[in-house]
Amino acid sequence: MTQMNNDQIFDQVQTLLVELFELDASDIHLDSHLYQDLDLDSIDAVDLVVRLQNLTGKKIQADEFKTVRTVNDVVIAVADLLKAQ
């Protein structure tokens, strides 16, 4: 996968959230909390991680996602994964 900037990563994450969880794209912002604002649960988070692994081609460790709370945290985690290539 080619390097993406944070805006491109956000677009991908937003698209995934809309596709997977039928959220409204206008409700998804960098500071949106995955659990409180977007009403995701732990099963949803696992689904998101699996899709992000497919997107990045990288194995995402569960530990890396334990601290993720906001959409921006997801963007940063994906950016870090891509940099590690």
N, C-alpha and C. Protein backbone atom coordinates (compact mmCIF):
# COMPACT_ATOMS: atom_id res chain seq x y z
N MET A 1 0.84 -1.18 0.00
CA MET A 1 0.00 0.00 0.00
C MET A 1 0.88 1.24 0.00
N THR A 2 0.51 2.23 -0.77
CA THR A 2 1.30 3.44 -0.83
C THR A 2 1.09 4.28 0.42
N GLN A 3 2.06 5.17 0.67
CA GLN A 3 1.94 6.07 1.82
C GLN A 3 0.71 6.95 1.64
N MET A 4 -0.01 7.15 2.70
CA MET A 4 -1.16 8.05 2.67
C MET A 4 -0.95 9.10 3.75
N ASN A 5 -1.46 10.30 3.48
CA ASN A 5 -1.40 11.31 4.53
C ASN A 5 -2.60 11.13 5.45
N ASN A 6 -2.61 11.87 6.55
CA ASN A 6 -3.66 11.68 7.55
C ASN A 6 -5.05 11.99 7.00
N ASP A 7 -5.16 12.96 6.09
CA ASP A 7 -6.47 13.26 5.49
C ASP A 7 -6.98 12.07 4.68
N GLN A 8 -6.09 11.44 3.94
CA GLN A 8 -6.49 10.28 3.14
C GLN A 8 -6.86 9.11 4.05
N ILE A 9 -6.11 8.93 5.12
CA ILE A 9 -6.42 7.87 6.08
C ILE A 9 -7.78 8.14 6.71
N PHE A 10 -8.04 9.39 7.11
CA PHE A 10 -9.34 9.74 7.69
C PHE A 10 -10.46 9.41 6.71
N ASP A 11 -10.27 9.74 5.44
CA ASP A 11 -11.29 9.44 4.43
C ASP A 11 -11.58 7.95 4.36
N GLN A 12 -10.51 7.14 4.42
CA GLN A 12 -10.67 5.68 4.38
C GLN A 12 -11.40 5.17 5.63
N VAL A 13 -11.00 5.68 6.79
CA VAL A 13 -11.62 5.27 8.06
C VAL A 13 -13.09 5.68 8.07
N GLN A 14 -13.36 6.90 7.62
CA GLN A 14 -14.74 7.38 7.56
C GLN A 14 -15.58 6.49 6.64
N THR A 15 -15.04 6.15 5.48
CA THR A 15 -15.74 5.29 4.54
C THR A 15 -16.02 3.92 5.17
N LEU A 16 -15.03 3.37 5.87
CA LEU A 16 -15.22 2.08 6.54
C LEU A 16 -16.32 2.16 7.59
N LEU A 17 -16.31 3.22 8.39
CA LEU A 17 -17.31 3.37 9.44
C LEU A 17 -18.72 3.48 8.85
N VAL A 18 -18.84 4.18 7.73
CA VAL A 18 -20.14 4.32 7.06
C VAL A 18 -20.58 2.96 6.51
N GLU A 19 -19.65 2.25 5.85
CA GLU A 19 -19.99 0.95 5.24
C GLU A 19 -20.31 -0.10 6.30
N LEU A 20 -19.47 -0.18 7.32
CA LEU A 20 -19.62 -1.25 8.31
C LEU A 20 -20.79 -1.04 9.27
N PHE A 21 -20.98 0.20 9.68
CA PHE A 21 -21.90 0.46 10.78
C PHE A 21 -23.06 1.38 10.41
N GLU A 22 -23.18 1.66 9.11
CA GLU A 22 -24.27 2.49 8.61
C GLU A 22 -24.37 3.82 9.33
N LEU A 23 -23.21 4.40 9.62
CA LEU A 23 -23.17 5.72 10.24
C LEU A 23 -23.29 6.78 9.16
N ASP A 24 -23.69 7.97 9.56
CA ASP A 24 -23.75 9.10 8.65
C ASP A 24 -22.37 9.75 8.60
N ALA A 25 -21.81 9.90 7.41
CA ALA A 25 -20.47 10.47 7.27
C ALA A 25 -20.34 11.83 7.95
N SER A 26 -21.42 12.60 7.95
CA SER A 26 -21.36 13.93 8.56
C SER A 26 -21.24 13.86 10.09
N ASP A 27 -21.49 12.69 10.68
CA ASP A 27 -21.35 12.51 12.13
C ASP A 27 -19.95 12.08 12.53
N ILE A 28 -19.11 11.78 11.55
CA ILE A 28 -17.78 11.24 11.83
C ILE A 28 -16.74 12.35 11.68
N HIS A 29 -16.12 12.70 12.80
CA HIS A 29 -15.09 13.74 12.82
C HIS A 29 -13.86 13.18 13.52
N LEU A 30 -12.74 13.86 13.39
CA LEU A 30 -11.52 13.38 14.04
C LEU A 30 -11.70 13.25 15.54
N ASP A 31 -12.47 14.15 16.15
CA ASP A 31 -12.62 14.11 17.60
C ASP A 31 -13.81 13.26 18.06
N SER A 32 -14.46 12.57 17.13
CA SER A 32 -15.58 11.69 17.50
C SER A 32 -15.07 10.50 18.30
N HIS A 33 -15.71 10.25 19.44
CA HIS A 33 -15.36 9.08 20.24
C HIS A 33 -16.06 7.86 19.64
N LEU A 34 -15.30 6.80 19.46
CA LEU A 34 -15.84 5.60 18.83
C LEU A 34 -16.99 5.01 19.63
N TYR A 35 -16.86 4.98 20.94
CA TYR A 35 -17.86 4.31 21.77
C TYR A 35 -19.00 5.25 22.15
N GLN A 36 -18.67 6.45 22.65
CA GLN A 36 -19.73 7.35 23.10
C GLN A 36 -20.45 8.02 21.92
N ASP A 37 -19.71 8.61 21.00
CA ASP A 37 -20.32 9.40 19.93
C ASP A 37 -20.87 8.54 18.79
N LEU A 38 -20.12 7.50 18.43
CA LEU A 38 -20.50 6.69 17.27
C LEU A 38 -21.20 5.39 17.69
N ASP A 39 -21.28 5.17 18.99
CA ASP A 39 -22.04 4.04 19.54
C ASP A 39 -21.52 2.68 19.07
N LEU A 40 -20.20 2.58 18.92
CA LEU A 40 -19.61 1.29 18.57
C LEU A 40 -19.41 0.49 19.86
N ASP A 41 -19.35 -0.82 19.72
CA ASP A 41 -19.03 -1.66 20.87
C ASP A 41 -17.75 -2.44 20.56
N SER A 42 -17.35 -3.32 21.46
CA SER A 42 -16.07 -4.02 21.29
C SER A 42 -16.08 -4.92 20.05
N ILE A 43 -17.23 -5.51 19.73
CA ILE A 43 -17.32 -6.35 18.52
C ILE A 43 -17.13 -5.48 17.28
N ASP A 44 -17.73 -4.29 17.29
CA ASP A 44 -17.57 -3.35 16.17
C ASP A 44 -16.10 -2.97 16.01
N ALA A 45 -15.44 -2.75 17.14
CA ALA A 45 -14.02 -2.38 17.10
C ALA A 45 -13.19 -3.48 16.46
N VAL A 46 -13.51 -4.73 16.77
CA VAL A 46 -12.80 -5.86 16.15
C VAL A 46 -13.04 -5.87 14.64
N ASP A 47 -14.29 -5.66 14.23
CA ASP A 47 -14.61 -5.59 12.79
C ASP A 47 -13.80 -4.49 12.11
N LEU A 48 -13.71 -3.35 12.78
CA LEU A 48 -12.96 -2.22 12.22
C LEU A 48 -11.48 -2.58 12.07
N VAL A 49 -10.91 -3.22 13.09
CA VAL A 49 -9.50 -3.61 13.04
C VAL A 49 -9.25 -4.58 11.89
N VAL A 50 -10.15 -5.56 11.71
CA VAL A 50 -10.00 -6.53 10.62
C VAL A 50 -10.00 -5.80 9.28
N ARG A 51 -10.91 -4.88 9.10
CA ARG A 51 -10.97 -4.12 7.83
C ARG A 51 -9.73 -3.24 7.64
N LEU A 52 -9.23 -2.67 8.72
CA LEU A 52 -8.02 -1.84 8.63
C LEU A 52 -6.82 -2.70 8.28
N GLN A 53 -6.79 -3.94 8.79
CA GLN A 53 -5.70 -4.86 8.42
C GLN A 53 -5.75 -5.14 6.92
N ASN A 54 -6.94 -5.34 6.39
CA ASN A 54 -7.08 -5.57 4.95
C ASN A 54 -6.63 -4.34 4.17
N LEU A 55 -6.97 -3.17 4.68
CA LEU A 55 -6.62 -1.91 4.02
C LEU A 55 -5.10 -1.69 4.00
N THR A 56 -4.47 -1.93 5.14
CA THR A 56 -3.04 -1.64 5.27
C THR A 56 -2.15 -2.81 4.87
N GLY A 57 -2.72 -4.01 4.86
CA GLY A 57 -1.89 -5.18 4.61
C GLY A 57 -0.99 -5.50 5.78
N LYS A 58 -1.26 -4.90 6.94
CA LYS A 58 -0.44 -5.10 8.13
C LYS A 58 -1.26 -5.76 9.22
N LYS A 59 -0.60 -6.57 10.01
CA LYS A 59 -1.25 -7.18 11.17
C LYS A 59 -1.32 -6.13 12.27
N ILE A 60 -2.50 -5.90 12.79
CA ILE A 60 -2.67 -4.93 13.87
C ILE A 60 -2.76 -5.71 15.18
N GLN A 61 -1.88 -5.38 16.11
CA GLN A 61 -1.90 -6.02 17.41
C GLN A 61 -3.02 -5.42 18.26
N ALA A 62 -3.73 -6.27 18.98
CA ALA A 62 -4.82 -5.80 19.83
C ALA A 62 -4.34 -4.75 20.82
N ASP A 63 -3.11 -4.93 21.32
CA ASP A 63 -2.56 -3.97 22.28
C ASP A 63 -2.48 -2.57 21.69
N GLU A 64 -2.18 -2.48 20.39
CA GLU A 64 -2.04 -1.19 19.75
C GLU A 64 -3.38 -0.46 19.69
N PHE A 65 -4.47 -1.22 19.74
CA PHE A 65 -5.78 -0.60 19.61
C PHE A 65 -6.49 -0.41 20.95
N LYS A 66 -5.88 -0.87 22.03
CA LYS A 66 -6.52 -0.71 23.34
C LYS A 66 -6.66 0.74 23.75
N THR A 67 -5.73 1.57 23.33
CA THR A 67 -5.75 2.99 23.72
C THR A 67 -6.56 3.85 22.75
N VAL A 68 -7.04 3.27 21.68
CA VAL A 68 -7.78 4.04 20.68
C VAL A 68 -9.17 4.38 21.22
N ARG A 69 -9.47 5.67 21.24
CA ARG A 69 -10.77 6.13 21.73
C ARG A 69 -11.52 6.97 20.70
N THR A 70 -10.75 7.71 19.87
CA THR A 70 -11.38 8.63 18.92
C THR A 70 -11.02 8.22 17.49
N VAL A 71 -11.72 8.81 16.54
CA VAL A 71 -11.40 8.58 15.12
C VAL A 71 -9.97 9.02 14.85
N ASN A 72 -9.54 10.13 15.45
CA ASN A 72 -8.17 10.59 15.24
C ASN A 72 -7.16 9.56 15.75
N ASP A 73 -7.46 8.88 16.87
CA ASP A 73 -6.58 7.82 17.38
C ASP A 73 -6.43 6.71 16.34
N VAL A 74 -7.53 6.38 15.66
CA VAL A 74 -7.50 5.36 14.60
C VAL A 74 -6.60 5.83 13.47
N VAL A 75 -6.77 7.09 13.05
CA VAL A 75 -5.96 7.65 11.96
C VAL A 75 -4.48 7.59 12.32
N ILE A 76 -4.14 7.97 13.53
CA ILE A 76 -2.73 7.95 13.98
C ILE A 76 -2.20 6.53 14.00
N ALA A 77 -3.00 5.58 14.51
CA ALA A 77 -2.56 4.18 14.57
C ALA A 77 -2.29 3.64 13.16
N VAL A 78 -3.16 3.96 12.21
CA VAL A 78 -2.96 3.50 10.83
C VAL A 78 -1.74 4.17 10.22
N ALA A 79 -1.57 5.46 10.46
CA ALA A 79 -0.40 6.19 9.94
C ALA A 79 0.89 5.57 10.48
N ASP A 80 0.90 5.25 11.77
CA ASP A 80 2.08 4.62 12.38
C ASP A 80 2.35 3.25 11.75
N LEU A 81 1.31 2.49 11.50
CA LEU A 81 1.47 1.19 10.85
C LEU A 81 2.08 1.34 9.46
N LEU A 82 1.58 2.30 8.72
CA LEU A 82 2.07 2.50 7.36
C LEU A 82 3.52 2.96 7.35
N LYS A 83 3.90 3.77 8.34
CA LYS A 83 5.29 4.23 8.44
C LYS A 83 6.24 3.09 8.76
N ALA A 84 5.71 2.08 9.44
CA ALA A 84 6.54 0.95 9.87
C ALA A 84 6.87 -0.01 8.73
N GLN A 85 6.34 0.26 7.54
CA GLN A 85 6.58 -0.65 6.41
C GLN A 85 8.04 -0.63 6.00
